[in-house]
mmCIF file of all heavy atoms, coordinates in Angstrom:
data_MODEL
# 
_entry.id   MODEL 
# 
loop_
_atom_site.group_PDB 
_atom_site.id 
_atom_site.type_symbol 
_atom_site.label_atom_id 
_atom_site.label_alt_id 
_atom_site.label_comp_id 
_atom_site.label_asym_id 
_atom_site.label_entity_id 
_atom_site.label_seq_id 
_atom_site.pdbx_PDB_ins_code 
_atom_site.Cartn_x 
_atom_site.Cartn_y 
_atom_site.Cartn_z 
_atom_site.occupancy 
_atom_site.B_iso_or_equiv 
_atom_site.pdbx_formal_charge 
_atom_site.auth_seq_id 
_atom_site.auth_comp_id 
_atom_site.auth_asym_id 
_atom_site.auth_atom_id 
_atom_site.pdbx_PDB_model_num 
ATOM 1   N N   . ASN A 1 1  ? 161.833 102.259 -97.601  1.00 0.00 ? 1  ASN A N   1 
ATOM 2   C CA  . ASN A 1 1  ? 161.854 102.802 -96.233  1.00 0.00 ? 1  ASN A CA  1 
ATOM 3   C C   . ASN A 1 1  ? 163.263 102.879 -95.647  1.00 0.00 ? 1  ASN A C   1 
ATOM 4   O O   . ASN A 1 1  ? 163.435 103.168 -94.463  1.00 0.00 ? 1  ASN A O   1 
ATOM 5   C CB  . ASN A 1 1  ? 160.934 101.996 -95.304  1.00 0.00 ? 1  ASN A CB  1 
ATOM 6   C CG  . ASN A 1 1  ? 161.406 100.560 -95.110  1.00 0.00 ? 1  ASN A CG  1 
ATOM 7   O OD1 . ASN A 1 1  ? 162.460 100.160 -95.592  1.00 0.00 ? 1  ASN A OD1 1 
ATOM 8   N ND2 . ASN A 1 1  ? 160.607 99.775  -94.404  1.00 0.00 ? 1  ASN A ND2 1 
ATOM 9   N N   . ALA A 1 2  ? 164.271 102.632 -96.486  1.00 0.00 ? 2  ALA A N   1 
ATOM 10  C CA  . ALA A 1 2  ? 165.658 102.666 -95.999  1.00 0.00 ? 2  ALA A CA  1 
ATOM 11  C C   . ALA A 1 2  ? 166.028 104.045 -95.467  1.00 0.00 ? 2  ALA A C   1 
ATOM 12  O O   . ALA A 1 2  ? 166.729 104.167 -94.446  1.00 0.00 ? 2  ALA A O   1 
ATOM 13  C CB  . ALA A 1 2  ? 166.616 102.254 -97.118  1.00 0.00 ? 2  ALA A CB  1 
ATOM 14  N N   . ASN A 1 3  ? 165.552 105.092 -96.112  1.00 0.00 ? 3  ASN A N   1 
ATOM 15  C CA  . ASN A 1 3  ? 165.900 106.451 -95.681  1.00 0.00 ? 3  ASN A CA  1 
ATOM 16  C C   . ASN A 1 3  ? 165.164 106.874 -94.416  1.00 0.00 ? 3  ASN A C   1 
ATOM 17  O O   . ASN A 1 3  ? 165.425 107.953 -93.878  1.00 0.00 ? 3  ASN A O   1 
ATOM 18  C CB  . ASN A 1 3  ? 165.600 107.451 -96.803  1.00 0.00 ? 3  ASN A CB  1 
ATOM 19  C CG  . ASN A 1 3  ? 166.552 107.296 -97.979  1.00 0.00 ? 3  ASN A CG  1 
ATOM 20  O OD1 . ASN A 1 3  ? 167.685 106.835 -97.816  1.00 0.00 ? 3  ASN A OD1 1 
ATOM 21  N ND2 . ASN A 1 3  ? 166.098 107.662 -99.169  1.00 0.00 ? 3  ASN A ND2 1 
ATOM 22  N N   . ASP A 1 4  ? 164.257 106.027 -93.946  1.00 0.00 ? 4  ASP A N   1 
ATOM 23  C CA  . ASP A 1 4  ? 163.487 106.351 -92.739  1.00 0.00 ? 4  ASP A CA  1 
ATOM 24  C C   . ASP A 1 4  ? 164.160 105.865 -91.459  1.00 0.00 ? 4  ASP A C   1 
ATOM 25  O O   . ASP A 1 4  ? 163.645 106.114 -90.358  1.00 0.00 ? 4  ASP A O   1 
ATOM 26  C CB  . ASP A 1 4  ? 162.096 105.717 -92.818  1.00 0.00 ? 4  ASP A CB  1 
ATOM 27  C CG  . ASP A 1 4  ? 161.167 106.426 -93.791  1.00 0.00 ? 4  ASP A CG  1 
ATOM 28  O OD1 . ASP A 1 4  ? 161.672 107.150 -94.664  1.00 0.00 ? 4  ASP A OD1 1 
ATOM 29  O OD2 . ASP A 1 4  ? 159.941 106.251 -93.683  1.00 0.00 ? 4  ASP A OD2 1 
ATOM 30  N N   . HIS A 1 5  ? 165.288 105.174 -91.578  1.00 0.00 ? 5  HIS A N   1 
ATOM 31  C CA  . HIS A 1 5  ? 165.827 104.491 -90.408  1.00 0.00 ? 5  HIS A CA  1 
ATOM 32  C C   . HIS A 1 5  ? 166.193 105.449 -89.271  1.00 0.00 ? 5  HIS A C   1 
ATOM 33  O O   . HIS A 1 5  ? 166.029 105.112 -88.091  1.00 0.00 ? 5  HIS A O   1 
ATOM 34  C CB  . HIS A 1 5  ? 167.020 103.617 -90.799  1.00 0.00 ? 5  HIS A CB  1 
ATOM 35  C CG  . HIS A 1 5  ? 168.281 104.353 -91.090  1.00 0.00 ? 5  HIS A CG  1 
ATOM 36  N ND1 . HIS A 1 5  ? 169.174 104.704 -90.095  1.00 0.00 ? 5  HIS A ND1 1 
ATOM 37  C CD2 . HIS A 1 5  ? 168.814 104.811 -92.261  1.00 0.00 ? 5  HIS A CD2 1 
ATOM 38  C CE1 . HIS A 1 5  ? 170.200 105.327 -90.638  1.00 0.00 ? 5  HIS A CE1 1 
ATOM 39  N NE2 . HIS A 1 5  ? 170.009 105.422 -91.950  1.00 0.00 ? 5  HIS A NE2 1 
ATOM 40  N N   . GLU A 1 6  ? 166.676 106.640 -89.606  1.00 0.00 ? 6  GLU A N   1 
ATOM 41  C CA  . GLU A 1 6  ? 167.042 107.577 -88.537  1.00 0.00 ? 6  GLU A CA  1 
ATOM 42  C C   . GLU A 1 6  ? 165.813 108.022 -87.757  1.00 0.00 ? 6  GLU A C   1 
ATOM 43  O O   . GLU A 1 6  ? 165.820 108.068 -86.524  1.00 0.00 ? 6  GLU A O   1 
ATOM 44  C CB  . GLU A 1 6  ? 167.780 108.779 -89.120  1.00 0.00 ? 6  GLU A CB  1 
ATOM 45  C CG  . GLU A 1 6  ? 169.148 108.430 -89.702  1.00 0.00 ? 6  GLU A CG  1 
ATOM 46  C CD  . GLU A 1 6  ? 169.911 109.667 -90.134  1.00 0.00 ? 6  GLU A CD  1 
ATOM 47  O OE1 . GLU A 1 6  ? 169.401 110.793 -89.910  1.00 0.00 ? 6  GLU A OE1 1 
ATOM 48  O OE2 . GLU A 1 6  ? 171.017 109.507 -90.700  1.00 0.00 ? 6  GLU A OE2 1 
ATOM 49  N N   . LYS A 1 7  ? 164.745 108.343 -88.475  1.00 0.00 ? 7  LYS A N   1 
ATOM 50  C CA  . LYS A 1 7  ? 163.521 108.797 -87.811  1.00 0.00 ? 7  LYS A CA  1 
ATOM 51  C C   . LYS A 1 7  ? 162.877 107.663 -87.007  1.00 0.00 ? 7  LYS A C   1 
ATOM 52  O O   . LYS A 1 7  ? 162.295 107.894 -85.939  1.00 0.00 ? 7  LYS A O   1 
ATOM 53  C CB  . LYS A 1 7  ? 162.534 109.359 -88.839  1.00 0.00 ? 7  LYS A CB  1 
ATOM 54  C CG  . LYS A 1 7  ? 163.015 110.671 -89.475  1.00 0.00 ? 7  LYS A CG  1 
ATOM 55  C CD  . LYS A 1 7  ? 161.967 111.259 -90.385  1.00 0.00 ? 7  LYS A CD  1 
ATOM 56  C CE  . LYS A 1 7  ? 162.446 112.569 -91.019  1.00 0.00 ? 7  LYS A CE  1 
ATOM 57  N NZ  . LYS A 1 7  ? 162.726 113.619 -90.002  1.00 0.00 ? 7  LYS A NZ  1 
ATOM 58  N N   . ILE A 1 8  ? 162.984 106.427 -87.508  1.00 0.00 ? 8  ILE A N   1 
ATOM 59  C CA  . ILE A 1 8  ? 162.454 105.281 -86.760  1.00 0.00 ? 8  ILE A CA  1 
ATOM 60  C C   . ILE A 1 8  ? 163.220 105.106 -85.454  1.00 0.00 ? 8  ILE A C   1 
ATOM 61  O O   . ILE A 1 8  ? 162.639 104.888 -84.387  1.00 0.00 ? 8  ILE A O   1 
ATOM 62  C CB  . ILE A 1 8  ? 162.518 104.001 -87.619  1.00 0.00 ? 8  ILE A CB  1 
ATOM 63  C CG1 . ILE A 1 8  ? 161.504 104.093 -88.768  1.00 0.00 ? 8  ILE A CG1 1 
ATOM 64  C CG2 . ILE A 1 8  ? 162.258 102.758 -86.773  1.00 0.00 ? 8  ILE A CG2 1 
ATOM 65  C CD1 . ILE A 1 8  ? 161.581 102.951 -89.765  1.00 0.00 ? 8  ILE A CD1 1 
ATOM 66  N N   . ALA A 1 9  ? 164.537 105.230 -85.532  1.00 0.00 ? 9  ALA A N   1 
ATOM 67  C CA  . ALA A 1 9  ? 165.363 105.087 -84.331  1.00 0.00 ? 9  ALA A CA  1 
ATOM 68  C C   . ALA A 1 9  ? 165.060 106.197 -83.321  1.00 0.00 ? 9  ALA A C   1 
ATOM 69  O O   . ALA A 1 9  ? 164.950 105.945 -82.115  1.00 0.00 ? 9  ALA A O   1 
ATOM 70  C CB  . ALA A 1 9  ? 166.846 105.100 -84.700  1.00 0.00 ? 9  ALA A CB  1 
ATOM 71  N N   . VAL A 1 10 ? 164.932 107.423 -83.797  1.00 0.00 ? 10 VAL A N   1 
ATOM 72  C CA  . VAL A 1 10 ? 164.637 108.544 -82.906  1.00 0.00 ? 10 VAL A CA  1 
ATOM 73  C C   . VAL A 1 10 ? 163.257 108.363 -82.259  1.00 0.00 ? 10 VAL A C   1 
ATOM 74  O O   . VAL A 1 10 ? 163.080 108.594 -81.057  1.00 0.00 ? 10 VAL A O   1 
ATOM 75  C CB  . VAL A 1 10 ? 164.708 109.876 -83.663  1.00 0.00 ? 10 VAL A CB  1 
ATOM 76  C CG1 . VAL A 1 10 ? 164.171 111.017 -82.804  1.00 0.00 ? 10 VAL A CG1 1 
ATOM 77  C CG2 . VAL A 1 10 ? 166.146 110.166 -84.087  1.00 0.00 ? 10 VAL A CG2 1 
ATOM 78  N N   . SER A 1 11 ? 162.278 107.909 -83.053  1.00 0.00 ? 11 SER A N   1 
ATOM 79  C CA  . SER A 1 11 ? 160.948 107.650 -82.495  1.00 0.00 ? 11 SER A CA  1 
ATOM 80  C C   . SER A 1 11 ? 161.012 106.569 -81.429  1.00 0.00 ? 11 SER A C   1 
ATOM 81  O O   . SER A 1 11 ? 160.355 106.673 -80.383  1.00 0.00 ? 11 SER A O   1 
ATOM 82  C CB  . SER A 1 11 ? 159.976 107.228 -83.605  1.00 0.00 ? 11 SER A CB  1 
ATOM 83  O OG  . SER A 1 11 ? 159.696 108.293 -84.486  1.00 0.00 ? 11 SER A OG  1 
ATOM 84  N N   . ALA A 1 12 ? 161.798 105.532 -81.682  1.00 0.00 ? 12 ALA A N   1 
ATOM 85  C CA  . ALA A 1 12 ? 161.944 104.452 -80.703  1.00 0.00 ? 12 ALA A CA  1 
ATOM 86  C C   . ALA A 1 12 ? 162.492 104.981 -79.383  1.00 0.00 ? 12 ALA A C   1 
ATOM 87  O O   . ALA A 1 12 ? 162.015 104.628 -78.299  1.00 0.00 ? 12 ALA A O   1 
ATOM 88  C CB  . ALA A 1 12 ? 162.856 103.358 -81.261  1.00 0.00 ? 12 ALA A CB  1 
ATOM 89  N N   . ARG A 1 13 ? 163.487 105.852 -79.460  1.00 0.00 ? 13 ARG A N   1 
ATOM 90  C CA  . ARG A 1 13 ? 164.079 106.422 -78.250  1.00 0.00 ? 13 ARG A CA  1 
ATOM 91  C C   . ARG A 1 13 ? 163.070 107.293 -77.503  1.00 0.00 ? 13 ARG A C   1 
ATOM 92  O O   . ARG A 1 13 ? 162.925 107.202 -76.281  1.00 0.00 ? 13 ARG A O   1 
ATOM 93  C CB  . ARG A 1 13 ? 165.316 107.235 -78.612  1.00 0.00 ? 13 ARG A CB  1 
ATOM 94  C CG  . ARG A 1 13 ? 166.062 107.813 -77.412  1.00 0.00 ? 13 ARG A CG  1 
ATOM 95  C CD  . ARG A 1 13 ? 167.201 108.703 -77.866  1.00 0.00 ? 13 ARG A CD  1 
ATOM 96  N NE  . ARG A 1 13 ? 166.709 109.845 -78.640  1.00 0.00 ? 13 ARG A NE  1 
ATOM 97  C CZ  . ARG A 1 13 ? 167.487 110.682 -79.315  1.00 0.00 ? 13 ARG A CZ  1 
ATOM 98  N NH1 . ARG A 1 13 ? 168.801 110.500 -79.320  1.00 0.00 ? 13 ARG A NH1 1 
ATOM 99  N NH2 . ARG A 1 13 ? 166.974 111.689 -79.982  1.00 0.00 ? 13 ARG A NH2 1 
ATOM 100 N N   . GLU A 1 14 ? 162.355 108.123 -78.251  1.00 0.00 ? 14 GLU A N   1 
ATOM 101 C CA  . GLU A 1 14 ? 161.419 109.048 -77.626  1.00 0.00 ? 14 GLU A CA  1 
ATOM 102 C C   . GLU A 1 14 ? 160.197 108.344 -77.031  1.00 0.00 ? 14 GLU A C   1 
ATOM 103 O O   . GLU A 1 14 ? 159.604 108.820 -76.061  1.00 0.00 ? 14 GLU A O   1 
ATOM 104 C CB  . GLU A 1 14 ? 160.972 110.097 -78.637  1.00 0.00 ? 14 GLU A CB  1 
ATOM 105 C CG  . GLU A 1 14 ? 162.102 111.027 -79.081  1.00 0.00 ? 14 GLU A CG  1 
ATOM 106 C CD  . GLU A 1 14 ? 161.669 111.988 -80.178  1.00 0.00 ? 14 GLU A CD  1 
ATOM 107 O OE1 . GLU A 1 14 ? 160.568 111.771 -80.747  1.00 0.00 ? 14 GLU A OE1 1 
ATOM 108 O OE2 . GLU A 1 14 ? 162.424 112.941 -80.465  1.00 0.00 ? 14 GLU A OE2 1 
ATOM 109 N N   . LEU A 1 15 ? 159.822 107.208 -77.608  1.00 0.00 ? 15 LEU A N   1 
ATOM 110 C CA  . LEU A 1 15 ? 158.602 106.510 -77.186  1.00 0.00 ? 15 LEU A CA  1 
ATOM 111 C C   . LEU A 1 15 ? 158.869 105.367 -76.213  1.00 0.00 ? 15 LEU A C   1 
ATOM 112 O O   . LEU A 1 15 ? 157.968 104.598 -75.897  1.00 0.00 ? 15 LEU A O   1 
ATOM 113 C CB  . LEU A 1 15 ? 157.859 105.992 -78.425  1.00 0.00 ? 15 LEU A CB  1 
ATOM 114 C CG  . LEU A 1 15 ? 157.353 107.072 -79.379  1.00 0.00 ? 15 LEU A CG  1 
ATOM 115 C CD1 . LEU A 1 15 ? 156.828 106.463 -80.670  1.00 0.00 ? 15 LEU A CD1 1 
ATOM 116 C CD2 . LEU A 1 15 ? 156.265 107.911 -78.702  1.00 0.00 ? 15 LEU A CD2 1 
ATOM 117 N N   . GLY A 1 16 ? 160.110 105.269 -75.753  1.00 0.00 ? 16 GLY A N   1 
ATOM 118 C CA  . GLY A 1 16 ? 160.427 104.259 -74.749  1.00 0.00 ? 16 GLY A CA  1 
ATOM 119 C C   . GLY A 1 16 ? 160.460 102.842 -75.268  1.00 0.00 ? 16 GLY A C   1 
ATOM 120 O O   . GLY A 1 16 ? 160.191 101.894 -74.514  1.00 0.00 ? 16 GLY A O   1 
ATOM 121 N N   . VAL A 1 17 ? 160.792 102.677 -76.539  1.00 0.00 ? 17 VAL A N   1 
ATOM 122 C CA  . VAL A 1 17 ? 160.833 101.351 -77.152  1.00 0.00 ? 17 VAL A CA  1 
ATOM 123 C C   . VAL A 1 17 ? 162.105 100.623 -76.725  1.00 0.00 ? 17 VAL A C   1 
ATOM 124 O O   . VAL A 1 17 ? 163.195 101.201 -76.713  1.00 0.00 ? 17 VAL A O   1 
ATOM 125 C CB  . VAL A 1 17 ? 160.770 101.473 -78.689  1.00 0.00 ? 17 VAL A CB  1 
ATOM 126 C CG1 . VAL A 1 17 ? 161.032 100.150 -79.372  1.00 0.00 ? 17 VAL A CG1 1 
ATOM 127 C CG2 . VAL A 1 17 ? 159.396 102.025 -79.089  1.00 0.00 ? 17 VAL A CG2 1 
ATOM 128 N N   . SER A 1 18 ? 161.964 99.359  -76.374  1.00 0.00 ? 18 SER A N   1 
ATOM 129 C CA  . SER A 1 18 ? 163.099 98.583  -75.880  1.00 0.00 ? 18 SER A CA  1 
ATOM 130 C C   . SER A 1 18 ? 164.099 98.267  -76.979  1.00 0.00 ? 18 SER A C   1 
ATOM 131 O O   . SER A 1 18 ? 165.309 98.360  -76.772  1.00 0.00 ? 18 SER A O   1 
ATOM 132 C CB  . SER A 1 18 ? 162.605 97.276  -75.240  1.00 0.00 ? 18 SER A CB  1 
ATOM 133 O OG  . SER A 1 18 ? 163.688 96.481  -74.818  1.00 0.00 ? 18 SER A OG  1 
ATOM 134 N N   . ALA A 1 19 ? 163.613 97.892  -78.168  1.00 0.00 ? 19 ALA A N   1 
ATOM 135 C CA  . ALA A 1 19 ? 164.513 97.538  -79.273  1.00 0.00 ? 19 ALA A CA  1 
ATOM 136 C C   . ALA A 1 19 ? 163.786 97.679  -80.595  1.00 0.00 ? 19 ALA A C   1 
ATOM 137 O O   . ALA A 1 19 ? 162.558 97.519  -80.670  1.00 0.00 ? 19 ALA A O   1 
ATOM 138 C CB  . ALA A 1 19 ? 165.042 96.114  -79.104  1.00 0.00 ? 19 ALA A CB  1 
ATOM 139 N N   . VAL A 1 20 ? 164.546 97.964  -81.629  1.00 0.00 ? 20 VAL A N   1 
ATOM 140 C CA  . VAL A 1 20 ? 164.041 97.943  -83.002  1.00 0.00 ? 20 VAL A CA  1 
ATOM 141 C C   . VAL A 1 20 ? 164.556 96.662  -83.651  1.00 0.00 ? 20 VAL A C   1 
ATOM 142 O O   . VAL A 1 20 ? 165.763 96.447  -83.745  1.00 0.00 ? 20 VAL A O   1 
ATOM 143 C CB  . VAL A 1 20 ? 164.513 99.173  -83.807  1.00 0.00 ? 20 VAL A CB  1 
ATOM 144 C CG1 . VAL A 1 20 ? 164.009 99.074  -85.254  1.00 0.00 ? 20 VAL A CG1 1 
ATOM 145 C CG2 . VAL A 1 20 ? 164.039 100.460 -83.154  1.00 0.00 ? 20 VAL A CG2 1 
ATOM 146 N N   . ILE A 1 21 ? 163.637 95.812  -84.048  1.00 0.00 ? 21 ILE A N   1 
ATOM 147 C CA  . ILE A 1 21 ? 164.008 94.549  -84.690  1.00 0.00 ? 21 ILE A CA  1 
ATOM 148 C C   . ILE A 1 21 ? 164.109 94.804  -86.187  1.00 0.00 ? 21 ILE A C   1 
ATOM 149 O O   . ILE A 1 21 ? 163.122 95.145  -86.839  1.00 0.00 ? 21 ILE A O   1 
ATOM 150 C CB  . ILE A 1 21 ? 162.975 93.462  -84.382  1.00 0.00 ? 21 ILE A CB  1 
ATOM 151 C CG1 . ILE A 1 21 ? 162.876 93.262  -82.868  1.00 0.00 ? 21 ILE A CG1 1 
ATOM 152 C CG2 . ILE A 1 21 ? 163.345 92.148  -85.069  1.00 0.00 ? 21 ILE A CG2 1 
ATOM 153 C CD1 . ILE A 1 21 ? 161.750 92.352  -82.434  1.00 0.00 ? 21 ILE A CD1 1 
ATOM 154 N N   . VAL A 1 22 ? 165.318 94.659  -86.709  1.00 0.00 ? 22 VAL A N   1 
ATOM 155 C CA  . VAL A 1 22 ? 165.577 94.952  -88.124  1.00 0.00 ? 22 VAL A CA  1 
ATOM 156 C C   . VAL A 1 22 ? 165.492 93.658  -88.926  1.00 0.00 ? 22 VAL A C   1 
ATOM 157 O O   . VAL A 1 22 ? 166.302 92.740  -88.751  1.00 0.00 ? 22 VAL A O   1 
ATOM 158 C CB  . VAL A 1 22 ? 166.963 95.599  -88.312  1.00 0.00 ? 22 VAL A CB  1 
ATOM 159 C CG1 . VAL A 1 22 ? 167.192 95.928  -89.781  1.00 0.00 ? 22 VAL A CG1 1 
ATOM 160 C CG2 . VAL A 1 22 ? 167.086 96.848  -87.446  1.00 0.00 ? 22 VAL A CG2 1 
ATOM 161 N N   . ASN A 1 23 ? 164.496 93.565  -89.783  1.00 0.00 ? 23 ASN A N   1 
ATOM 162 C CA  . ASN A 1 23 ? 164.309 92.403  -90.653  1.00 0.00 ? 23 ASN A CA  1 
ATOM 163 C C   . ASN A 1 23 ? 164.608 92.771  -92.093  1.00 0.00 ? 23 ASN A C   1 
ATOM 164 O O   . ASN A 1 23 ? 164.471 93.937  -92.491  1.00 0.00 ? 23 ASN A O   1 
ATOM 165 C CB  . ASN A 1 23 ? 162.876 91.883  -90.559  1.00 0.00 ? 23 ASN A CB  1 
ATOM 166 C CG  . ASN A 1 23 ? 162.541 91.344  -89.196  1.00 0.00 ? 23 ASN A CG  1 
ATOM 167 O OD1 . ASN A 1 23 ? 163.167 90.409  -88.729  1.00 0.00 ? 23 ASN A OD1 1 
ATOM 168 N ND2 . ASN A 1 23 ? 161.550 91.951  -88.542  1.00 0.00 ? 23 ASN A ND2 1 
ATOM 169 N N   . LYS A 1 24 ? 164.985 91.783  -92.869  1.00 0.00 ? 24 LYS A N   1 
ATOM 170 C CA  . LYS A 1 24 ? 165.222 91.993  -94.294  1.00 0.00 ? 24 LYS A CA  1 
ATOM 171 C C   . LYS A 1 24 ? 163.944 91.644  -95.056  1.00 0.00 ? 24 LYS A C   1 
ATOM 172 O O   . LYS A 1 24 ? 163.493 90.502  -95.027  1.00 0.00 ? 24 LYS A O   1 
ATOM 173 C CB  . LYS A 1 24 ? 166.393 91.128  -94.768  1.00 0.00 ? 24 LYS A CB  1 
ATOM 174 C CG  . LYS A 1 24 ? 167.711 91.503  -94.100  1.00 0.00 ? 24 LYS A CG  1 
ATOM 175 C CD  . LYS A 1 24 ? 168.871 90.659  -94.594  1.00 0.00 ? 24 LYS A CD  1 
ATOM 176 C CE  . LYS A 1 24 ? 168.774 89.229  -94.163  1.00 0.00 ? 24 LYS A CE  1 
ATOM 177 N NZ  . LYS A 1 24 ? 170.007 88.455  -94.464  1.00 0.00 ? 24 LYS A NZ  1 
ATOM 178 N N   . TYR A 1 25 ? 163.365 92.645  -95.691  1.00 0.00 ? 25 TYR A N   1 
ATOM 179 C CA  . TYR A 1 25 ? 162.135 92.418  -96.450  1.00 0.00 ? 25 TYR A CA  1 
ATOM 180 C C   . TYR A 1 25 ? 162.360 91.427  -97.579  1.00 0.00 ? 25 TYR A C   1 
ATOM 181 O O   . TYR A 1 25 ? 163.384 91.445  -98.246  1.00 0.00 ? 25 TYR A O   1 
ATOM 182 C CB  . TYR A 1 25 ? 161.627 93.743  -97.023  1.00 0.00 ? 25 TYR A CB  1 
ATOM 183 C CG  . TYR A 1 25 ? 160.498 93.571  -98.026  1.00 0.00 ? 25 TYR A CG  1 
ATOM 184 C CD1 . TYR A 1 25 ? 159.181 93.468  -97.609  1.00 0.00 ? 25 TYR A CD1 1 
ATOM 185 C CD2 . TYR A 1 25 ? 160.768 93.499  -99.396  1.00 0.00 ? 25 TYR A CD2 1 
ATOM 186 C CE1 . TYR A 1 25 ? 158.153 93.294  -98.524  1.00 0.00 ? 25 TYR A CE1 1 
ATOM 187 C CE2 . TYR A 1 25 ? 159.744 93.327  -100.322 1.00 0.00 ? 25 TYR A CE2 1 
ATOM 188 C CZ  . TYR A 1 25 ? 158.434 93.215  -99.877  1.00 0.00 ? 25 TYR A CZ  1 
ATOM 189 O OH  . TYR A 1 25 ? 157.430 93.043  -100.792 1.00 0.00 ? 25 TYR A OH  1 
ATOM 190 N N   . TYR A 1 26 ? 161.383 90.544  -97.764  1.00 0.00 ? 26 TYR A N   1 
ATOM 191 C CA  . TYR A 1 26 ? 161.389 89.675  -98.941  1.00 0.00 ? 26 TYR A CA  1 
ATOM 192 C C   . TYR A 1 26 ? 160.027 89.779  -99.605  1.00 0.00 ? 26 TYR A C   1 
ATOM 193 O O   . TYR A 1 26 ? 159.022 90.093  -98.980  1.00 0.00 ? 26 TYR A O   1 
ATOM 194 C CB  . TYR A 1 26 ? 161.719 88.231  -98.566  1.00 0.00 ? 26 TYR A CB  1 
ATOM 195 C CG  . TYR A 1 26 ? 160.790 87.610  -97.556  1.00 0.00 ? 26 TYR A CG  1 
ATOM 196 C CD1 . TYR A 1 26 ? 159.621 86.961  -97.952  1.00 0.00 ? 26 TYR A CD1 1 
ATOM 197 C CD2 . TYR A 1 26 ? 161.076 87.665  -96.200  1.00 0.00 ? 26 TYR A CD2 1 
ATOM 198 C CE1 . TYR A 1 26 ? 158.773 86.394  -97.026  1.00 0.00 ? 26 TYR A CE1 1 
ATOM 199 C CE2 . TYR A 1 26 ? 160.226 87.094  -95.266  1.00 0.00 ? 26 TYR A CE2 1 
ATOM 200 C CZ  . TYR A 1 26 ? 159.072 86.459  -95.685  1.00 0.00 ? 26 TYR A CZ  1 
ATOM 201 O OH  . TYR A 1 26 ? 158.229 85.901  -94.763  1.00 0.00 ? 26 TYR A OH  1 
ATOM 202 N N   . GLY A 1 27 ? 159.995 89.489  -100.876 1.00 0.00 ? 27 GLY A N   1 
ATOM 203 C CA  . GLY A 1 27 ? 158.789 89.699  -101.669 1.00 0.00 ? 27 GLY A CA  1 
ATOM 204 C C   . GLY A 1 27 ? 157.709 88.670  -101.403 1.00 0.00 ? 27 GLY A C   1 
ATOM 205 O O   . GLY A 1 27 ? 157.901 87.674  -100.731 1.00 0.00 ? 27 GLY A O   1 
ATOM 206 N N   . GLY A 1 28 ? 156.539 88.937  -101.973 1.00 0.00 ? 28 GLY A N   1 
ATOM 207 C CA  . GLY A 1 28 ? 155.404 88.035  -101.841 1.00 0.00 ? 28 GLY A CA  1 
ATOM 208 C C   . GLY A 1 28 ? 154.230 88.579  -102.611 1.00 0.00 ? 28 GLY A C   1 
ATOM 209 O O   . GLY A 1 28 ? 154.359 89.544  -103.372 1.00 0.00 ? 28 GLY A O   1 
# 
């Protein structure tokens, strides 16, 4: 999902999101 970051950020702006919390995925 690394290549999705621009679209996620744009969606956040358009949908009135306060912040995008960026976490580092780990396996399980």
